[in-house]
Amino acid sequence: MSLINKEIADFSAQAFIQPAGAVKGEFKTVTKADLIGKWSVLFFYPADFTFICPTELEDLANLYDKFQKIGCEIYSVSCDTHFVHKAWHENSEKVGKITYPMLADPTAALAKDLEVYIEADGMAERGTFVINPKGRVVAYEVNAGNVGRNAEELLRKVEALQFVAEH
């Protein structure tokens, strides 16, 4: 069954955020209301302190300013806690470049809502979801755990979706 046009469920998640230029990161609550009214990407990955993930997340960090310029917020999401996100951010050169919110989904509420939760492993699949300003999924893809994603292609997709929505 397709998730296209599915409205994301209400949620509340803790996020670790270290804004560009900030010396210290902070914890912030992110809810569905934060996604409404703008374009968003929910970028699920299996777990902190794993392989492939740092490369993908760094790739997104390198293009984050371009996503922001087109009015799109990036949220990386795993089933780890916000405390683990903070520890990973502080101990990985690649992940340390991230200035977008890193959402914690330890109860897998978001992963289950978007059907990327792997119950047996307690982790999420590599799922990418583009959410429109109305809170609906307008594009998504789910990759095998050992296949990374490309931030430039994701940026192109978001720009194409925005163009279609405007015309």
C-alpha atoms as a PDB file:
ATOM      1  CA  MET A   1       0.000   0.000   0.000  1.00  0.00           C
ATOM      2  CA  SER A   2       1.337   3.441  -0.910  1.00  0.00           C
ATOM      3  CA  LEU A   3       2.070   6.105   1.691  1.00  0.00           C
ATOM      4  CA  ILE A   4       1.676   8.926  -0.846  1.00  0.00           C
ATOM      5  CA  ASN A   5      -0.697  11.574   0.531  1.00  0.00           C
ATOM      6  CA  LYS A   6      -0.665   9.972   4.000  1.00  0.00           C
ATOM      7  CA  GLU A   7      -0.894  12.605   6.707  1.00  0.00           C
ATOM      8  CA  ILE A   8       1.759  12.092   9.328  1.00  0.00           C
ATOM      9  CA  ALA A   9       0.386  11.327  12.770  1.00  0.00           C
ATOM     10  CA  ASP A  10       0.717  13.716  15.680  1.00  0.00           C
ATOM     11  CA  PHE A  11       4.046  13.195  17.404  1.00  0.00           C
ATOM     12  CA  SER A  12       6.357  14.744  19.924  1.00  0.00           C
ATOM     13  CA  ALA A  13      10.051  13.900  19.800  1.00  0.00           C
ATOM     14  CA  GLN A  14      13.176  15.132  21.499  1.00  0.00           C
ATOM     15  CA  ALA A  15      15.862  16.390  19.146  1.00  0.00           C
ATOM     16  CA  PHE A  16      19.519  17.187  19.528  1.00  0.00           C
ATOM     17  CA  ILE A  17      20.473  20.350  17.642  1.00  0.00           C
ATOM     18  CA  GLN A  18      23.819  22.081  17.364  1.00  0.00           C
ATOM     19  CA  PRO A  19      23.254  25.185  15.227  1.00  0.00           C
ATOM     20  CA  ALA A  20      26.070  26.347  12.963  1.00  0.00           C
ATOM     21  CA  GLY A  21      28.619  28.339  14.910  1.00  0.00           C
ATOM     22  CA  ALA A  22      27.236  27.275  18.286  1.00  0.00           C
ATOM     23  CA  VAL A  23      29.733  25.975  20.817  1.00  0.00           C
ATOM     24  CA  LYS A  24      27.211  23.772  22.548  1.00  0.00           C
ATOM     25  CA  GLY A  25      24.217  21.788  21.302  1.00  0.00           C
ATOM     26  CA  GLU A  26      20.775  21.754  22.862  1.00  0.00           C
ATOM     27  CA  PHE A  27      17.750  19.532  23.247  1.00  0.00           C
ATOM     28  CA  LYS A  28      14.469  20.698  21.763  1.00  0.00           C
ATOM     29  CA  THR A  29      11.016  19.183  21.437  1.00  0.00           C
ATOM     30  CA  VAL A  30       9.818  18.801  17.842  1.00  0.00           C
ATOM     31  CA  THR A  31       6.163  18.087  17.056  1.00  0.00           C
ATOM     32  CA  LYS A  32       4.014  17.668  13.980  1.00  0.00           C
ATOM     33  CA  ALA A  33       3.162  21.378  14.287  1.00  0.00           C
ATOM     34  CA  ASP A  34       6.822  22.194  13.510  1.00  0.00           C
ATOM     35  CA  LEU A  35       6.446  20.482  10.131  1.00  0.00           C
ATOM     36  CA  ILE A  36       3.178  22.147   9.135  1.00  0.00           C
ATOM     37  CA  GLY A  37       3.501  25.178   6.879  1.00  0.00           C
ATOM     38  CA  LYS A  38       6.853  24.262   5.349  1.00  0.00           C
ATOM     39  CA  TRP A  39       8.549  21.481   3.444  1.00  0.00           C
ATOM     40  CA  SER A  40      10.312  18.841   5.518  1.00  0.00           C
ATOM     41  CA  VAL A  41      12.381  15.725   5.028  1.00  0.00           C
ATOM     42  CA  LEU A  42      12.325  12.904   7.566  1.00  0.00           C
ATOM     43  CA  PHE A  43      15.553  10.995   6.965  1.00  0.00           C
ATOM     44  CA  PHE A  44      15.443   7.688   8.869  1.00  0.00           C
ATOM     45  CA  TYR A  45      18.596   5.654   9.461  1.00  0.00           C
ATOM     46  CA  PRO A  46      19.102   2.444  11.474  1.00  0.00           C
ATOM     47  CA  ALA A  47      21.199   3.581  14.438  1.00  0.00           C
ATOM     48  CA  ASP A  48      23.824   5.960  15.750  1.00  0.00           C
ATOM     49  CA  PHE A  49      27.441   4.773  15.830  1.00  0.00           C
ATOM     50  CA  THR A  50      26.936   2.585  12.727  1.00  0.00           C
ATOM     51  CA  PHE A  51      28.466   2.509   9.260  1.00  0.00           C
ATOM     52  CA  ILE A  52      27.072   4.205   6.128  1.00  0.00           C
ATOM     53  CA  CYS A  53      24.950   6.535   8.286  1.00  0.00           C
ATOM     54  CA  PRO A  54      27.740   9.067   8.975  1.00  0.00           C
ATOM     55  CA  THR A  55      28.453   9.425   5.260  1.00  0.00           C
ATOM     56  CA  GLU A  56      24.786  10.001   4.407  1.00  0.00           C
ATOM     57  CA  LEU A  57      24.272  12.420   7.281  1.00  0.00           C
ATOM     58  CA  GLU A  58      27.427  14.372   6.387  1.00  0.00           C
ATOM     59  CA  ASP A  59      26.245  14.507   2.754  1.00  0.00           C
ATOM     60  CA  LEU A  60      23.007  16.121   3.959  1.00  0.00           C
ATOM     61  CA  ALA A  61      24.919  18.461   6.282  1.00  0.00           C
ATOM     62  CA  ASN A  62      27.002  19.669   3.340  1.00  0.00           C
ATOM     63  CA  LEU A  63      23.825  20.642   1.433  1.00  0.00           C
ATOM     64  CA  TYR A  64      21.758  21.776   4.423  1.00  0.00           C
ATOM     65  CA  ASP A  65      22.043  25.454   3.463  1.00  0.00           C
ATOM     66  CA  LYS A  66      20.606  24.663   0.014  1.00  0.00           C
ATOM     67  CA  PHE A  67      17.638  22.851   1.579  1.00  0.00           C
ATOM     68  CA  GLN A  68      17.070  25.823   3.870  1.00  0.00           C
ATOM     69  CA  LYS A  69      17.203  28.248   0.927  1.00  0.00           C
ATOM     70  CA  ILE A  70      14.262  26.432  -0.668  1.00  0.00           C
ATOM     71  CA  GLY A  71      12.314  26.420   2.615  1.00  0.00           C
ATOM     72  CA  CYS A  72      12.870  22.773   3.513  1.00  0.00           C
ATOM     73  CA  GLU A  73      13.886  21.542   6.962  1.00  0.00           C
ATOM     74  CA  ILE A  74      15.872  18.319   7.348  1.00  0.00           C
ATOM     75  CA  TYR A  75      15.259  15.985  10.289  1.00  0.00           C
ATOM     76  CA  SER A  76      17.421  12.914  10.658  1.00  0.00           C
ATOM     77  CA  VAL A  77      15.593  10.225  12.646  1.00  0.00           C
ATOM     78  CA  SER A  78      16.646   7.024  14.394  1.00  0.00           C
ATOM     79  CA  CYS A  79      15.237   4.979  17.254  1.00  0.00           C
ATOM     80  CA  ASP A  80      18.110   6.113  19.487  1.00  0.00           C
ATOM     81  CA  THR A  81      17.575   8.686  22.248  1.00  0.00           C
ATOM     82  CA  HIS A  82      18.527  12.342  21.978  1.00  0.00           C
ATOM     83  CA  PHE A  83      21.312  11.647  24.488  1.00  0.00           C
ATOM     84  CA  VAL A  84      22.862   9.104  22.109  1.00  0.00           C
ATOM     85  CA  HIS A  85      22.527  11.612  19.242  1.00  0.00           C
ATOM     86  CA  LYS A  86      24.458  14.147  21.350  1.00  0.00           C
ATOM     87  CA  ALA A  87      27.195  11.633  22.173  1.00  0.00           C
ATOM     88  CA  TRP A  88      27.549  10.617  18.516  1.00  0.00           C
ATOM     89  CA  HIS A  89      27.613  14.259  17.395  1.00  0.00           C
ATOM     90  CA  GLU A  90      30.413  14.973  19.881  1.00  0.00           C
ATOM     91  CA  ASN A  91      32.453  11.882  18.941  1.00  0.00           C
ATOM     92  CA  SER A  92      32.240  11.661  15.150  1.00  0.00           C
ATOM     93  CA  GLU A  93      33.976  14.065  12.795  1.00  0.00           C
ATOM     94  CA  LYS A  94      31.342  13.494  10.070  1.00  0.00           C
ATOM     95  CA  VAL A  95      28.291  13.651  12.357  1.00  0.00           C
ATOM     96  CA  GLY A  96      29.808  16.635  14.156  1.00  0.00           C
ATOM     97  CA  LYS A  97      29.137  18.690  10.998  1.00  0.00           C
ATOM     98  CA  ILE A  98      25.355  18.289  11.367  1.00  0.00           C
ATOM     99  CA  THR A  99      23.430  21.467  12.173  1.00  0.00           C
ATOM    100  CA  TYR A 100      19.936  20.158  11.373  1.00  0.00           C
ATOM    101  CA  PRO A 101      17.763  18.544  14.083  1.00  0.00           C
ATOM    102  CA  MET A 102      18.510  14.919  14.953  1.00  0.00           C
ATOM    103  CA  LEU A 103      15.172  13.450  16.094  1.00  0.00           C
ATOM    104  CA  ALA A 104      15.016  10.713  18.696  1.00  0.00           C
ATOM    105  CA  ASP A 105      12.334   8.068  18.153  1.00  0.00           C
ATOM    106  CA  PRO A 106      13.037   5.550  20.969  1.00  0.00           C
ATOM    107  CA  THR A 107       9.420   4.367  21.070  1.00  0.00           C
ATOM    108  CA  ALA A 108       9.447   4.038  17.248  1.00  0.00           C
ATOM    109  CA  ALA A 109       6.245   6.085  16.985  1.00  0.00           C
ATOM    110  CA  LEU A 110       7.416   7.875  13.828  1.00  0.00           C
ATOM    111  CA  ALA A 111       9.065   4.775  12.353  1.00  0.00           C
ATOM    112  CA  LYS A 112       5.867   2.757  12.864  1.00  0.00           C
ATOM    113  CA  ASP A 113       3.652   5.541  11.486  1.00  0.00           C
ATOM    114  CA  LEU A 114       5.707   5.627   8.293  1.00  0.00           C
ATOM    115  CA  GLU A 115       6.079   1.833   8.179  1.00  0.00           C
ATOM    116  CA  VAL A 116       9.883   1.657   8.384  1.00  0.00           C
ATOM    117  CA  TYR A 117      10.232   0.053  11.820  1.00  0.00           C
ATOM    118  CA  ILE A 118      12.031  -3.303  11.968  1.00  0.00           C
ATOM    119  CA  GLU A 119      10.488  -4.846  15.075  1.00  0.00           C
ATOM    120  CA  ALA A 120      13.005  -7.688  15.407  1.00  0.00           C
ATOM    121  CA  ASP A 121      15.951  -5.274  15.378  1.00  0.00           C
ATOM    122  CA  GLY A 122      14.396  -2.313  17.196  1.00  0.00           C
ATOM    123  CA  MET A 123      15.637  -0.051  14.396  1.00  0.00           C
ATOM    124  CA  ALA A 124      14.308   1.811  11.379  1.00  0.00           C
ATOM    125  CA  GLU A 125      14.938   1.049   7.727  1.00  0.00           C
ATOM    126  CA  ARG A 126      16.764   3.669   5.630  1.00  0.00           C
ATOM    127  CA  GLY A 127      13.629   5.599   4.716  1.00  0.00           C
ATOM    128  CA  THR A 128      13.417   9.103   3.262  1.00  0.00           C
ATOM    129  CA  PHE A 129      10.107  10.956   3.395  1.00  0.00           C
ATOM    130  CA  VAL A 130       9.356  14.341   1.842  1.00  0.00           C
ATOM    131  CA  ILE A 131       6.517  16.010   3.732  1.00  0.00           C
ATOM    132  CA  ASN A 132       4.613  18.910   2.161  1.00  0.00           C
ATOM    133  CA  PRO A 133       3.449  21.994   4.117  1.00  0.00           C
ATOM    134  CA  LYS A 134       0.101  20.281   4.791  1.00  0.00           C
ATOM    135  CA  GLY A 135       1.850  17.455   6.659  1.00  0.00           C
ATOM    136  CA  ARG A 136       1.392  14.855   3.923  1.00  0.00           C
ATOM    137  CA  VAL A 137       3.908  12.462   2.403  1.00  0.00           C
ATOM    138  CA  VAL A 138       4.495  13.473  -1.229  1.00  0.00           C
ATOM    139  CA  ALA A 139       7.545  11.301  -1.929  1.00  0.00           C
ATOM    140  CA  TYR A 140       9.392   8.523  -0.181  1.00  0.00           C
ATOM    141  CA  GLU A 141      11.868   5.750  -0.703  1.00  0.00           C
ATOM    142  CA  VAL A 142      13.080   2.926   1.480  1.00  0.00           C
ATOM    143  CA  ASN A 143      16.497   1.381   0.879  1.00  0.00           C
ATOM    144  CA  ALA A 144      18.145  -1.815   2.083  1.00  0.00           C
ATOM    145  CA  GLY A 145      20.226  -1.200   5.192  1.00  0.00           C
ATOM    146  CA  ASN A 146      23.539  -1.424   3.365  1.00  0.00           C
ATOM    147  CA  VAL A 147      22.661   1.061   0.579  1.00  0.00           C
ATOM    148  CA  GLY A 148      23.349   4.760   1.144  1.00  0.00           C
ATOM    149  CA  ARG A 149      21.364   7.682  -0.256  1.00  0.00           C
ATOM    150  CA  ASN A 150      22.363  10.786  -2.211  1.00  0.00           C
ATOM    151  CA  ALA A 151      21.612  14.261  -0.814  1.00  0.00           C
ATOM    152  CA  GLU A 152      21.900  15.980  -4.216  1.00  0.00           C
ATOM    153  CA  GLU A 153      19.221  13.697  -5.653  1.00  0.00           C
ATOM    154  CA  LEU A 154      17.026  14.337  -2.611  1.00  0.00           C
ATOM    155  CA  LEU A 155      17.422  18.099  -3.086  1.00  0.00           C
ATOM    156  CA  ARG A 156      16.436  17.722  -6.751  1.00  0.00           C
ATOM    157  CA  LYS A 157      13.318  15.760  -5.746  1.00  0.00           C
ATOM    158  CA  VAL A 158      12.240  18.369  -3.204  1.00  0.00           C
ATOM    159  CA  GLU A 159      12.724  21.164  -5.758  1.00  0.00           C
ATOM    160  CA  ALA A 160      10.680  19.194  -8.328  1.00  0.00           C
ATOM    161  CA  LEU A 161       7.901  18.564  -5.794  1.00  0.00           C
ATOM    162  CA  GLN A 162       7.811  22.252  -4.885  1.00  0.00           C
ATOM    163  CA  PHE A 163       7.625  23.228  -8.557  1.00  0.00           C
ATOM    164  CA  VAL A 164       4.732  20.829  -9.192  1.00  0.00           C
ATOM    165  CA  ALA A 165       2.911  22.101  -6.076  1.00  0.00           C
ATOM    166  CA  GLU A 166       3.181  25.697  -7.283  1.00  0.00           C
ATOM    167  CA  HIS A 167       1.888  24.993 -10.810  1.00  0.00           C
END
